[in-house]
Amino acid sequence: MIDFGLVDAVDAEAIGQPGRRTFRVRSRVGDSYAALWLEKEQLAQLARLFSQLIAERSRQRGRPIGDVEPLGNFPQTPQVDLHVARMGLDYDIEQERVILLADDAQALQRGDTPAFRMELSRAQALHLMRAIEGIVTSGRPLCALCHQPVEYVGQTHFCPQTNGHSTELEIPPLDDEDEEEDEDEDEDD
């Protein structure tokens, strides 16, 4: 297991264009860097779980948070580059820290878990939650009816809530052949 302990700095980022982005949580302790790659839904869930842990367990609820150290320049190839397959969280009440455990697929197959561990101060966790919220909401807009992402420009969004109706799609006109077939059927009746 790689144990970063209490990190010096942490943030999150999205890379790429909305609809085709990849997401990661980045952290630094001393001269060591870690990148934890997540799906967008995992990243959003991580922020919700941080919020829940702090709300339920922190004795400093409602108190202002101090400044956090910025991450600074993140290297192209960090020492830890982990595609997260499973995550676990805990909260150290005495130290007011969130503990994050992460596994990749290889660690799960080997049974060598957790593969990575780091701790975040309450201030760092709250800062990360806000960063994640901004990242998640900066993607593709959501459909007001089904709450799914609207497709790329030039593509039609299929929304199950419209029950097959759309103001964006035009009904194609009948071809001359279709009209002739309809007339033939009428004559046969």
Protein backbone atom coordinates (compact mmCIF):
# COMPACT_ATOMS: atom_id res chain seq x y z
CA MET A 1 0.00 0.00 0.00
CA ILE A 2 1.10 3.52 -0.80
CA ASP A 3 0.31 5.75 2.18
CA PHE A 4 0.51 9.50 1.57
CA GLY A 5 -0.65 10.30 5.11
CA LEU A 6 -1.91 13.88 5.52
CA VAL A 7 -1.49 15.54 2.13
CA ASP A 8 -0.09 19.03 1.69
CA ALA A 9 -2.50 19.90 -1.12
CA VAL A 10 -5.37 18.33 -3.03
CA ASP A 11 -7.68 19.31 -5.89
CA ALA A 12 -9.71 17.83 -8.73
CA GLU A 13 -9.72 18.45 -12.43
CA ALA A 14 -11.50 17.55 -15.62
CA ILE A 15 -9.51 17.08 -18.80
CA GLY A 16 -11.08 17.44 -22.25
CA GLN A 17 -14.26 18.82 -23.76
CA PRO A 18 -17.66 18.38 -22.06
CA GLY A 19 -19.09 15.00 -22.98
CA ARG A 20 -15.61 13.55 -23.50
CA ARG A 21 -13.89 14.53 -20.26
CA THR A 22 -11.80 12.44 -17.91
CA PHE A 23 -11.63 13.23 -14.21
CA ARG A 24 -9.05 12.91 -11.49
CA VAL A 25 -8.32 13.89 -7.92
CA ARG A 26 -4.76 15.15 -7.59
CA SER A 27 -2.77 15.31 -4.38
CA ARG A 28 0.71 16.23 -3.23
CA VAL A 29 2.73 15.45 -0.16
CA GLY A 30 6.25 16.87 -0.23
CA ASP A 31 7.68 16.08 -3.67
CA SER A 32 5.35 13.11 -4.26
CA TYR A 33 2.25 13.41 -6.41
CA ALA A 34 -0.78 11.15 -6.90
CA ALA A 35 -3.53 11.11 -9.51
CA LEU A 36 -6.69 9.12 -8.80
CA TRP A 37 -8.71 8.71 -12.01
CA LEU A 38 -12.48 8.50 -11.55
CA GLU A 39 -15.68 8.52 -13.56
CA LYS A 40 -17.76 11.68 -13.32
CA GLU A 41 -20.39 9.91 -11.21
CA GLN A 42 -17.71 8.60 -8.84
CA LEU A 43 -16.29 12.10 -8.47
CA ALA A 44 -19.72 13.56 -7.70
CA GLN A 45 -20.39 10.75 -5.21
CA LEU A 46 -17.05 11.41 -3.52
CA ALA A 47 -18.07 15.02 -2.86
CA ARG A 48 -21.45 13.90 -1.48
CA LEU A 49 -19.78 11.38 0.82
CA PHE A 50 -17.28 13.97 2.07
CA SER A 51 -20.21 16.25 2.87
CA GLN A 52 -22.05 13.47 4.67
CA LEU A 53 -19.01 12.40 6.71
CA ILE A 54 -18.23 15.94 7.80
CA ALA A 55 -21.88 16.69 8.61
CA GLU A 56 -22.24 13.53 10.71
CA ARG A 57 -18.85 13.35 12.44
CA SER A 58 -17.09 16.70 12.54
CA ARG A 59 -17.18 18.59 15.81
CA GLN A 60 -16.40 21.77 13.87
CA ARG A 61 -19.61 21.83 11.81
CA GLY A 62 -20.58 25.33 10.81
CA ARG A 63 -17.21 26.83 11.70
CA PRO A 64 -15.34 28.69 8.99
CA ILE A 65 -12.50 26.97 7.23
CA GLY A 66 -9.08 28.41 6.74
CA ASP A 67 -7.11 28.71 3.55
CA VAL A 68 -5.68 25.61 1.95
CA GLU A 69 -2.36 25.28 0.20
CA PRO A 70 -2.65 25.27 -3.61
CA LEU A 71 -1.46 22.17 -5.43
CA GLY A 72 0.91 24.05 -7.72
CA ASN A 73 2.33 22.57 -10.90
CA PHE A 74 1.31 18.96 -11.30
CA PRO A 75 3.81 16.71 -13.11
CA GLN A 76 2.95 14.95 -16.36
CA THR A 77 3.79 11.60 -14.78
CA PRO A 78 3.00 11.52 -11.04
CA GLN A 79 4.51 8.87 -8.78
CA VAL A 80 1.03 7.38 -8.22
CA ASP A 81 -1.29 7.10 -11.22
CA LEU A 82 -4.29 5.01 -10.18
CA HIS A 83 -7.52 4.23 -12.05
CA VAL A 84 -9.90 3.78 -9.14
CA ALA A 85 -12.00 0.62 -9.14
CA ARG A 86 -13.10 0.89 -5.50
CA MET A 87 -12.95 3.60 -2.86
CA GLY A 88 -13.48 3.74 0.87
CA LEU A 89 -13.83 6.69 3.23
CA ASP A 90 -13.60 7.21 6.95
CA TYR A 91 -13.39 10.19 9.28
CA ASP A 92 -10.90 10.63 12.13
CA ILE A 93 -12.89 12.60 14.70
CA GLU A 94 -9.89 13.42 16.89
CA GLN A 95 -7.77 14.85 14.06
CA GLU A 96 -10.74 16.17 12.01
CA ARG A 97 -9.49 14.38 8.89
CA VAL A 98 -11.12 12.50 6.04
CA ILE A 99 -9.33 9.26 5.20
CA LEU A 100 -9.56 8.09 1.60
CA LEU A 101 -8.65 4.56 0.55
CA ALA A 102 -8.48 3.57 -3.13
CA ASP A 103 -7.95 0.38 -5.10
CA ASP A 104 -7.30 -0.22 -8.76
CA ALA A 105 -8.38 -3.36 -10.61
CA GLN A 106 -4.97 -5.02 -10.21
CA ALA A 107 -4.97 -4.57 -6.43
CA LEU A 108 -8.46 -6.07 -6.24
CA GLN A 109 -7.40 -9.10 -8.30
CA ARG A 110 -4.30 -9.64 -6.15
CA GLY A 111 -6.27 -9.16 -2.95
CA ASP A 112 -3.71 -6.53 -1.99
CA THR A 113 -6.02 -3.80 -0.77
CA PRO A 114 -6.08 -0.93 -0.17
CA ALA A 115 -3.57 0.12 -2.80
CA PHE A 116 -3.52 3.81 -1.83
CA ARG A 117 -4.33 5.84 1.27
CA MET A 118 -4.35 9.56 2.02
CA GLU A 119 -5.76 11.89 4.64
CA LEU A 120 -7.30 15.31 4.09
CA SER A 121 -7.88 17.97 6.70
CA ARG A 122 -11.44 19.18 7.13
CA ALA A 123 -10.53 22.40 5.26
CA GLN A 124 -8.97 20.43 2.39
CA ALA A 125 -12.01 18.15 2.15
CA LEU A 126 -14.41 21.12 2.03
CA HIS A 127 -12.21 22.83 -0.57
CA LEU A 128 -12.15 19.63 -2.67
CA MET A 129 -15.95 19.32 -2.40
CA ARG A 130 -16.38 22.81 -3.85
CA ALA A 131 -13.88 22.12 -6.62
CA ILE A 132 -15.69 18.90 -7.54
CA GLU A 133 -19.06 20.69 -7.60
CA GLY A 134 -17.68 23.26 -10.03
CA ILE A 135 -16.18 20.57 -12.26
CA VAL A 136 -19.31 18.43 -12.36
CA THR A 137 -21.63 21.36 -13.11
CA SER A 138 -19.36 22.73 -15.85
CA GLY A 139 -20.08 19.78 -18.16
CA ARG A 140 -22.87 19.31 -20.65
CA PRO A 141 -26.18 20.85 -19.59
CA LEU A 142 -28.79 18.46 -18.21
CA CYS A 143 -32.22 17.93 -19.75
CA ALA A 144 -34.87 19.58 -17.58
CA LEU A 145 -37.17 16.56 -17.94
CA CYS A 146 -34.98 13.46 -17.60
CA HIS A 147 -31.90 15.04 -15.95
CA GLN A 148 -29.57 13.25 -18.38
CA PRO A 149 -26.82 15.12 -20.23
CA VAL A 150 -27.88 16.76 -23.46
CA GLU A 151 -25.97 15.34 -26.40
CA TYR A 152 -23.29 17.09 -28.42
CA VAL A 153 -24.06 19.98 -30.72
CA GLY A 154 -25.73 18.70 -33.87
CA GLN A 155 -27.19 15.60 -32.24
CA THR A 156 -30.74 15.21 -31.05
CA HIS A 157 -31.32 14.40 -27.38
CA PHE A 158 -33.70 11.50 -26.85
CA CYS A 159 -35.64 12.09 -23.64
CA PRO A 160 -37.82 9.26 -22.33
CA GLN A 161 -39.99 11.84 -20.53
CA THR A 162 -41.24 13.22 -23.86
CA ASN A 163 -42.87 9.85 -24.59
CA GLY A 164 -41.60 9.90 -28.17
CA HIS A 165 -42.68 13.47 -28.88
CA SER A 166 -40.22 16.13 -29.84
CA THR A 167 -40.46 19.69 -31.02
CA GLU A 168 -36.99 19.35 -32.52
CA LEU A 169 -37.78 16.58 -35.00
CA GLU A 170 -39.84 17.09 -38.10
CA ILE A 171 -42.15 14.38 -39.34
CA PRO A 172 -40.93 13.39 -42.80
CA PRO A 173 -43.41 13.92 -45.64
CA LEU A 174 -44.94 10.88 -47.29
CA ASP A 175 -43.21 9.79 -50.47
CA ASP A 176 -45.24 9.63 -53.68
CA GLU A 177 -44.96 5.82 -53.55
CA ASP A 178 -46.45 5.76 -50.04
CA GLU A 179 -49.38 7.89 -51.21
CA GLU A 180 -50.01 5.59 -54.20
CA GLU A 181 -49.95 2.51 -51.93
CA ASP A 182 -52.47 4.19 -49.61
CA GLU A 183 -54.75 4.99 -52.58
CA ASP A 184 -54.49 1.40 -53.86
CA GLU A 185 -55.46 0.07 -50.44
CA ASP A 186 -58.45 2.42 -50.33
CA GLU A 187 -59.65 1.19 -53.76
CA ASP A 188 -59.42 -2.45 -52.62
CA ASP A 189 -61.73 -1.82 -49.66
